[in-house]
């Protein structure tokens, strides 16, 4: 069974396809959207070994001349160096303005390839073919693209909507459990900002059981995409409402940078950021303490961290001061009033930030597995 959703953005509208074995029909889906001719298929060295040939074969069968290009796996690939490599590969493959790029992989590949598509020849079309849960429920939808700088995450980027999203749920079977759980952190976020019923679903099954329940997993991905698509429809370029999607991300991005990219998976950092945001919400928005406790229990149930990491507050505070979403020298946090209702752009005094940080439990660290 395949779920299909639409991101309604006028002339930039596009479809999201979610279901099993979609990589085998990727070429046909591209053709249906009017994409033909030359394409650059961008993946990382882990995903390419697993799914690169399946995707390339599908494109060939649809008459699309696709060139495969591989970047190293990991957050470090969201860099100027890898971006230039993509430009070079696109030129060598003969890509013109009528050509397109395909991002086959997780969030790193999607962000990097999307930014390359946004800037190559002043913009070509691209397709998101996410292979991680986190990318399927979050980063592949919405048109945010970018690369990192040493000073912070996603400081260089552009809004560039994909022409198509094709999420093959069978690829999730190859994910390590840790990465699958990290993707569930973004689903928890949707529960906090828009749909508490997602909590009920996630509380009832272990991550291992979720990985094996194809129908339920497809439902969860579809609902997550519906929520994000609705927010993006109302605020495509993050002028206001779209900021609600950053619940837990303000501190999470700072933790990723300070700890060193790769020490924590993105979803793990976001989980810690959500705990921090929930505790801030208690003090500043009247968020019920029992809901904070419920959030902590759910994150622990999903094998995600809930205590502050083993990094120093001054370093984290410095990273927060460089956050790309700051305005007037202040970073606005997304805070919850109750499960399903949040406020964005909330200023938090520096002394409150530090106090809540110090109250966030014993230091917790996790090295790469």
Protein backbone atom coordinates (compact mmCIF):
# COMPACT_ATOMS: atom_id res chain seq x y z
CA UNK A 1 0.00 0.00 0.00
CA UNK A 2 1.24 3.49 -0.84
CA UNK A 3 0.29 6.72 0.86
CA UNK A 4 0.27 9.92 -1.21
CA UNK A 5 0.19 13.43 0.18
CA UNK A 6 0.50 16.86 -1.43
CA UNK A 7 2.43 19.92 -0.33
CA UNK A 8 0.26 22.77 -1.60
CA UNK A 9 2.46 25.70 -2.61
CA UNK A 10 0.90 26.95 -5.82
CA UNK A 11 3.37 26.55 -8.71
CA UNK A 12 5.86 24.91 -6.31
CA UNK A 13 3.43 22.21 -5.15
CA UNK A 14 4.63 18.61 -5.16
CA UNK A 15 3.60 15.11 -4.18
CA UNK A 16 4.96 12.92 -1.40
CA UNK A 17 4.79 9.18 -2.09
CA UNK A 18 5.29 6.85 0.89
CA UNK A 19 5.31 3.08 0.62
CA UNK A 20 7.32 -0.07 -0.05
CA UNK A 21 9.56 -0.64 -3.09
CA UNK A 22 9.22 2.89 -4.44
CA UNK A 23 12.87 2.99 -5.52
CA UNK A 24 12.05 0.41 -8.17
CA UNK A 25 9.52 2.83 -9.66
CA UNK A 26 11.51 6.02 -9.05
CA UNK A 27 12.08 6.57 -12.77
CA UNK A 28 8.38 6.23 -13.55
CA UNK A 29 7.50 8.69 -10.77
CA UNK A 30 10.01 11.19 -12.13
CA UNK A 31 8.59 10.81 -15.65
CA UNK A 32 5.06 11.42 -14.35
CA UNK A 33 6.29 14.76 -13.00
CA UNK A 34 7.80 15.71 -16.36
CA UNK A 35 11.41 15.04 -15.45
CA UNK A 36 13.44 13.49 -18.24
CA UNK A 37 16.81 13.72 -19.95
CA UNK A 38 19.90 13.96 -17.75
CA UNK A 39 20.01 13.48 -13.97
CA UNK A 40 22.63 13.34 -11.24
CA UNK A 41 21.93 10.70 -8.58
CA UNK A 42 23.64 11.78 -5.36
CA UNK A 43 24.09 9.42 -2.42
CA UNK A 44 26.58 8.59 0.31
CA UNK A 45 28.95 5.65 0.34
CA UNK A 46 26.74 3.60 2.67
CA UNK A 47 23.40 4.13 0.91
CA UNK A 48 24.84 3.86 -2.60
CA UNK A 49 26.04 0.31 -1.90
CA UNK A 50 22.57 -0.70 -0.75
CA UNK A 51 20.24 1.16 -3.10
CA UNK A 52 22.24 3.06 -5.72
CA UNK A 53 21.90 0.45 -8.46
CA UNK A 54 18.17 -0.11 -7.80
CA UNK A 55 17.50 3.61 -8.19
CA UNK A 56 19.80 3.96 -11.21
CA UNK A 57 18.21 0.98 -12.97
CA UNK A 58 14.75 2.43 -12.44
CA UNK A 59 15.86 5.73 -13.96
CA UNK A 60 17.44 3.97 -16.95
CA UNK A 61 14.25 2.00 -17.55
CA UNK A 62 12.38 5.32 -17.73
CA UNK A 63 14.81 6.61 -20.36
CA UNK A 64 16.60 8.96 -17.98
CA UNK A 65 20.38 9.24 -18.35
CA UNK A 66 21.52 9.15 -14.73
CA UNK A 67 25.06 9.58 -13.42
CA UNK A 68 25.83 8.35 -9.90
CA UNK A 69 27.84 10.55 -7.56
CA UNK A 70 28.84 9.50 -4.02
CA UNK A 71 29.86 11.57 -0.99
CA UNK A 72 31.26 10.26 2.31
CA UNK A 73 28.61 9.32 4.88
CA UNK A 74 28.28 11.67 7.85
CA UNK A 75 27.49 15.25 8.80
CA UNK A 76 30.96 16.37 7.70
CA UNK A 77 29.79 16.04 4.08
CA UNK A 78 27.52 19.05 4.44
CA UNK A 79 30.49 21.16 3.42
CA UNK A 80 31.72 23.53 0.73
CA UNK A 81 34.17 20.87 -0.41
CA UNK A 82 31.46 18.28 -1.16
CA UNK A 83 29.26 20.96 -2.71
CA UNK A 84 31.99 21.78 -5.24
CA UNK A 85 32.36 18.06 -6.00
CA UNK A 86 28.65 17.92 -6.86
CA UNK A 87 28.94 20.94 -9.16
CA UNK A 88 31.90 19.29 -10.90
CA UNK A 89 29.96 16.02 -11.30
CA UNK A 90 26.92 17.88 -12.65
CA UNK A 91 29.02 19.64 -15.26
CA UNK A 92 30.77 16.42 -16.26
CA UNK A 93 27.38 14.69 -16.60
CA UNK A 94 26.12 17.42 -18.92
CA UNK A 95 23.35 18.69 -16.67
CA UNK A 96 21.45 21.65 -18.10
CA UNK A 97 18.69 23.78 -16.65
CA UNK A 98 16.14 21.22 -17.82
CA UNK A 99 18.01 18.45 -15.98
CA UNK A 100 17.53 17.43 -12.35
CA UNK A 101 19.26 16.00 -9.31
CA UNK A 102 18.15 13.20 -6.99
CA UNK A 103 19.04 13.01 -3.31
CA UNK A 104 19.16 9.34 -2.32
CA UNK A 105 19.87 9.02 1.39
CA UNK A 106 19.28 10.60 4.75
CA UNK A 107 19.12 14.19 5.89
CA UNK A 108 22.74 15.01 5.13
CA UNK A 109 22.48 13.97 1.49
CA UNK A 110 19.08 15.63 1.16
CA UNK A 111 20.29 18.98 2.53
CA UNK A 112 23.51 18.92 0.52
CA UNK A 113 22.03 17.79 -2.79
CA UNK A 114 19.07 20.13 -2.37
CA UNK A 115 21.38 23.11 -1.91
CA UNK A 116 23.44 22.03 -4.91
CA UNK A 117 20.22 21.91 -6.97
CA UNK A 118 19.15 25.32 -5.66
CA UNK A 119 22.39 26.95 -6.78
CA UNK A 120 23.59 25.01 -9.84
CA UNK A 121 22.77 27.08 -12.94
CA UNK A 122 20.73 29.30 -10.59
CA UNK A 123 18.45 26.40 -9.77
CA UNK A 124 17.46 23.03 -11.23
CA UNK A 125 14.75 20.63 -10.13
CA UNK A 126 15.52 17.87 -7.66
CA UNK A 127 13.91 14.81 -6.13
CA UNK A 128 14.10 13.70 -2.52
CA UNK A 129 14.38 9.91 -2.15
CA UNK A 130 14.87 9.60 1.63
CA UNK A 131 16.18 6.35 3.08
CA UNK A 132 16.17 7.22 6.80
CA UNK A 133 13.16 7.69 9.06
CA UNK A 134 14.34 11.13 10.09
CA UNK A 135 14.54 12.27 6.47
CA UNK A 136 11.15 10.76 5.61
CA UNK A 137 9.29 12.50 8.41
CA UNK A 138 11.20 15.76 8.39
CA UNK A 139 14.12 16.92 6.29
CA UNK A 140 12.97 15.62 2.88
CA UNK A 141 9.79 17.72 3.08
CA UNK A 142 9.65 21.50 3.13
CA UNK A 143 12.45 22.71 0.88
CA UNK A 144 15.08 23.65 3.45
CA UNK A 145 18.52 22.96 2.01
CA UNK A 146 22.00 23.85 3.18
CA UNK A 147 25.50 23.14 4.33
CA UNK A 148 27.35 23.75 7.59
CA UNK A 149 30.10 26.12 8.61
CA UNK A 150 32.59 25.44 11.42
CA UNK A 151 30.70 28.05 13.45
CA UNK A 152 27.33 26.35 13.18
CA UNK A 153 24.87 24.08 11.44
CA UNK A 154 22.99 25.05 8.25
CA UNK A 155 24.34 28.60 8.25
CA UNK A 156 24.55 28.51 4.44
CA UNK A 157 21.42 27.46 2.57
CA UNK A 158 18.35 28.22 0.51
CA UNK A 159 14.67 27.41 0.35
CA UNK A 160 14.26 25.19 -2.72
CA UNK A 161 11.27 22.87 -2.87
CA UNK A 162 11.71 19.41 -4.38
CA UNK A 163 9.72 18.43 -7.44
CA UNK A 164 8.89 15.07 -5.85
CA UNK A 165 9.42 13.10 -2.65
CA UNK A 166 9.55 9.30 -2.91
CA UNK A 167 9.98 7.58 0.46
CA UNK A 168 10.58 3.84 0.09
CA UNK A 169 9.73 2.40 3.49
CA UNK A 170 11.56 -0.85 2.73
CA UNK A 171 14.85 1.05 3.11
CA UNK A 172 14.11 1.49 6.82
CA UNK A 173 14.78 -2.22 7.35
CA UNK A 174 18.48 -1.61 6.77
CA UNK A 175 18.72 1.12 9.43
CA UNK A 176 20.60 0.40 12.66
CA UNK A 177 18.22 0.58 15.63
CA UNK A 178 20.01 3.66 16.97
CA UNK A 179 19.34 5.61 13.74
CA UNK A 180 15.73 4.44 13.62
CA UNK A 181 15.18 5.66 17.19
CA UNK A 182 16.80 8.98 16.32
CA UNK A 183 14.22 9.40 13.56
CA UNK A 184 11.41 8.78 16.03
CA UNK A 185 12.53 11.90 17.93
CA UNK A 186 11.10 14.02 15.10
CA UNK A 187 7.80 12.13 15.32
CA UNK A 188 7.69 12.93 19.05
CA UNK A 189 8.20 16.59 18.10
CA UNK A 190 5.10 16.49 15.90
CA UNK A 191 3.19 15.07 18.84
CA UNK A 192 4.22 18.03 21.01
CA UNK A 193 3.50 20.74 18.45
CA UNK A 194 0.36 19.42 16.78
CA UNK A 195 -0.92 15.92 17.55
CA UNK A 196 -0.74 14.33 21.02
CA UNK A 197 -2.24 11.12 19.61
CA UNK A 198 1.19 10.36 18.15
CA UNK A 199 2.33 9.96 21.75
CA UNK A 200 -0.26 7.26 22.28
CA UNK A 201 0.93 5.35 19.21
CA UNK A 202 4.62 5.52 20.16
CA UNK A 203 3.98 4.63 23.79
CA UNK A 204 2.25 1.38 22.85
CA UNK A 205 5.08 -0.25 20.91
CA UNK A 206 8.81 -0.69 21.34
CA UNK A 207 11.08 0.71 18.62
CA UNK A 208 11.91 -2.85 17.57
CA UNK A 209 8.20 -3.66 17.14
CA UNK A 210 7.63 -0.45 15.19
CA UNK A 211 10.40 -1.37 12.76
CA UNK A 212 8.54 -4.58 11.92
CA UNK A 213 5.03 -3.09 11.65
CA UNK A 214 5.01 -1.80 8.06
CA UNK A 215 1.42 -0.56 8.09
CA UNK A 216 1.74 1.36 11.35
CA UNK A 217 5.07 2.82 10.33
CA UNK A 218 3.60 4.04 7.05
CA UNK A 219 0.73 5.66 8.99
CA UNK A 220 3.20 7.42 11.31
CA UNK A 221 5.25 8.74 8.40
CA UNK A 222 2.14 9.90 6.54
CA UNK A 223 0.79 11.75 9.58
CA UNK A 224 4.15 13.40 10.22
CA UNK A 225 4.31 14.56 6.60
CA UNK A 226 0.74 15.87 6.80
CA UNK A 227 1.63 18.02 9.80
CA UNK A 228 4.78 19.38 8.21
CA UNK A 229 3.09 19.97 4.84
CA UNK A 230 0.34 21.97 6.54
CA UNK A 231 2.83 24.17 8.37
CA UNK A 232 4.95 24.69 5.23
CA UNK A 233 1.83 25.57 3.22
CA UNK A 234 1.03 28.36 5.68
CA UNK A 235 4.61 29.64 6.04
CA UNK A 236 6.97 28.38 3.37
CA UNK A 237 9.99 30.52 4.26
CA UNK A 238 9.83 30.54 8.05
CA UNK A 239 8.49 34.05 8.42
CA UNK A 240 6.61 33.02 11.53
CA UNK A 241 4.54 29.87 12.05
CA UNK A 242 7.06 27.49 10.48
CA UNK A 243 9.29 28.13 13.48
CA UNK A 244 7.10 25.71 15.48
CA UNK A 245 8.93 22.90 13.64
CA UNK A 246 12.06 23.91 15.59
CA UNK A 247 10.78 22.65 18.95
CA UNK A 248 13.87 21.13 20.58
CA UNK A 249 16.10 22.14 17.68
CA UNK A 250 17.53 25.40 19.04
CA UNK A 251 19.44 23.69 21.82
CA UNK A 252 19.77 20.48 19.80
CA UNK A 253 21.78 22.15 17.04
CA UNK A 254 24.02 23.81 19.62
CA UNK A 255 24.69 20.44 21.28
CA UNK A 256 25.58 18.85 17.93
CA UNK A 257 28.09 21.56 17.18
CA UNK A 258 29.72 21.77 20.61
CA UNK A 259 29.96 18.00 21.11
CA UNK A 260 31.33 17.55 17.59
CA UNK A 261 29.21 16.35 14.68
CA UNK A 262 28.74 12.61 14.84
CA UNK A 263 29.03 12.20 18.62
CA UNK A 264 25.24 12.48 18.87
CA UNK A 265 22.87 11.65 16.07
CA UNK A 266 20.63 14.54 15.09
CA UNK A 267 17.56 12.96 16.69
CA UNK A 268 19.46 12.31 19.93
CA UNK A 269 20.44 15.97 20.15
CA UNK A 270 16.85 16.99 19.38
CA UNK A 271 15.59 14.70 22.15
CA UNK A 272 17.81 16.49 24.68
CA UNK A 273 16.69 19.81 23.21
CA UNK A 274 13.02 18.86 23.66
CA UNK A 275 13.57 18.01 27.30
CA UNK A 276 15.25 21.40 27.78
CA UNK A 277 12.42 23.17 25.94
CA UNK A 278 9.79 21.34 28.00
CA UNK A 279 11.44 22.43 31.25
CA UNK A 280 11.64 26.00 29.99
CA UNK A 281 7.97 25.71 29.03
CA UNK A 282 7.03 24.69 32.56
CA UNK A 283 8.61 27.83 33.99
CA UNK A 284 7.58 30.31 31.31
CA UNK A 285 4.38 28.98 29.70
CA UNK A 286 2.76 26.89 32.41
CA UNK A 287 3.37 23.61 30.58
CA UNK A 288 2.14 20.87 32.97
CA UNK A 289 4.90 19.06 34.84
CA UNK A 290 3.11 15.76 34.20
CA UNK A 291 3.42 16.34 30.46
CA UNK A 292 7.16 16.96 30.82
CA UNK A 293 7.37 13.68 32.73
CA UNK A 294 5.38 11.93 30.01
CA UNK A 295 7.73 13.31 27.36
CA UNK A 296 10.77 12.07 29.29
CA UNK A 297 9.26 8.60 29.69
CA UNK A 298 8.46 8.38 26.00
CA UNK A 299 11.95 9.46 24.93
CA UNK A 300 13.48 6.90 27.28
CA UNK A 301 11.08 4.26 25.92
CA UNK A 302 12.42 5.13 22.45
CA UNK A 303 16.03 4.73 23.65
CA UNK A 304 16.75 8.45 23.41
CA UNK A 305 18.72 10.61 25.88
CA UNK A 306 16.88 12.86 28.32
CA UNK A 307 19.68 14.34 30.45
CA UNK A 308 22.08 17.11 29.55
CA UNK A 309 25.16 16.06 27.60
CA UNK A 310 28.72 16.26 28.82
CA UNK A 311 29.52 19.63 27.30
CA UNK A 312 30.05 23.00 29.00
CA UNK A 313 27.32 25.60 29.28
CA UNK A 314 29.57 28.52 28.14
CA UNK A 315 30.28 26.64 24.91
CA UNK A 316 26.59 25.90 24.40
CA UNK A 317 25.64 29.50 25.14
CA UNK A 318 28.18 30.70 22.58
CA UNK A 319 26.72 28.33 19.98
CA UNK A 320 23.21 29.59 20.76
CA UNK A 321 24.39 33.15 20.15
CA UNK A 322 25.27 32.16 16.58
CA UNK A 323 21.95 30.45 15.87
CA UNK A 324 20.75 31.34 12.36
CA UNK A 325 17.22 32.03 13.67
CA UNK A 326 18.25 34.77 16.10
CA UNK A 327 16.76 38.23 15.61
CA UNK A 328 17.81 41.44 17.31
CA UNK A 329 20.57 39.53 19.05
CA UNK A 330 18.09 37.17 20.74
CA UNK A 331 17.24 33.56 19.98
CA UNK A 332 13.53 32.85 20.25
CA UNK A 333 12.62 29.42 21.63
CA UNK A 334 9.61 27.31 20.73
CA UNK A 335 7.80 26.61 24.01
CA UNK A 336 4.79 24.44 24.76
CA UNK A 337 1.61 25.50 26.54
CA UNK A 338 0.19 21.97 26.46
CA UNK A 339 0.68 18.91 24.32
CA UNK A 340 -0.40 19.91 20.82
CA UNK A 341 -0.06 23.67 21.37
CA UNK A 342 3.18 25.64 21.20
CA UNK A 343 4.32 29.24 20.87
CA UNK A 344 7.27 30.35 18.79
CA UNK A 345 9.68 33.27 19.13
CA UNK A 346 9.65 33.16 22.92
CA UNK A 347 12.55 35.16 24.44
CA UNK A 348 14.23 33.44 27.39
CA UNK A 349 16.52 35.36 29.77
CA UNK A 350 20.12 34.12 29.82
CA UNK A 351 20.00 33.36 33.54
CA UNK A 352 16.92 31.15 33.05
CA UNK A 353 18.62 29.24 30.24
CA UNK A 354 21.67 28.53 32.39
CA UNK A 355 19.62 27.57 35.45
CA UNK A 356 17.46 25.10 33.53
CA UNK A 357 20.58 23.66 31.89
CA UNK A 358 22.10 23.01 35.30
CA UNK A 359 18.85 21.44 36.51
CA UNK A 360 18.69 19.03 33.58
CA UNK A 361 20.13 15.99 35.35
CA UNK A 362 23.50 14.33 35.44
CA UNK A 363 25.76 14.68 32.39
CA UNK A 364 25.11 12.02 29.78
CA UNK A 365 27.37 11.11 26.92
CA UNK A 366 27.19 8.67 24.09
CA UNK A 367 29.97 7.87 21.67
CA UNK A 368 29.60 6.63 18.15
CA UNK A 369 28.49 3.02 17.82
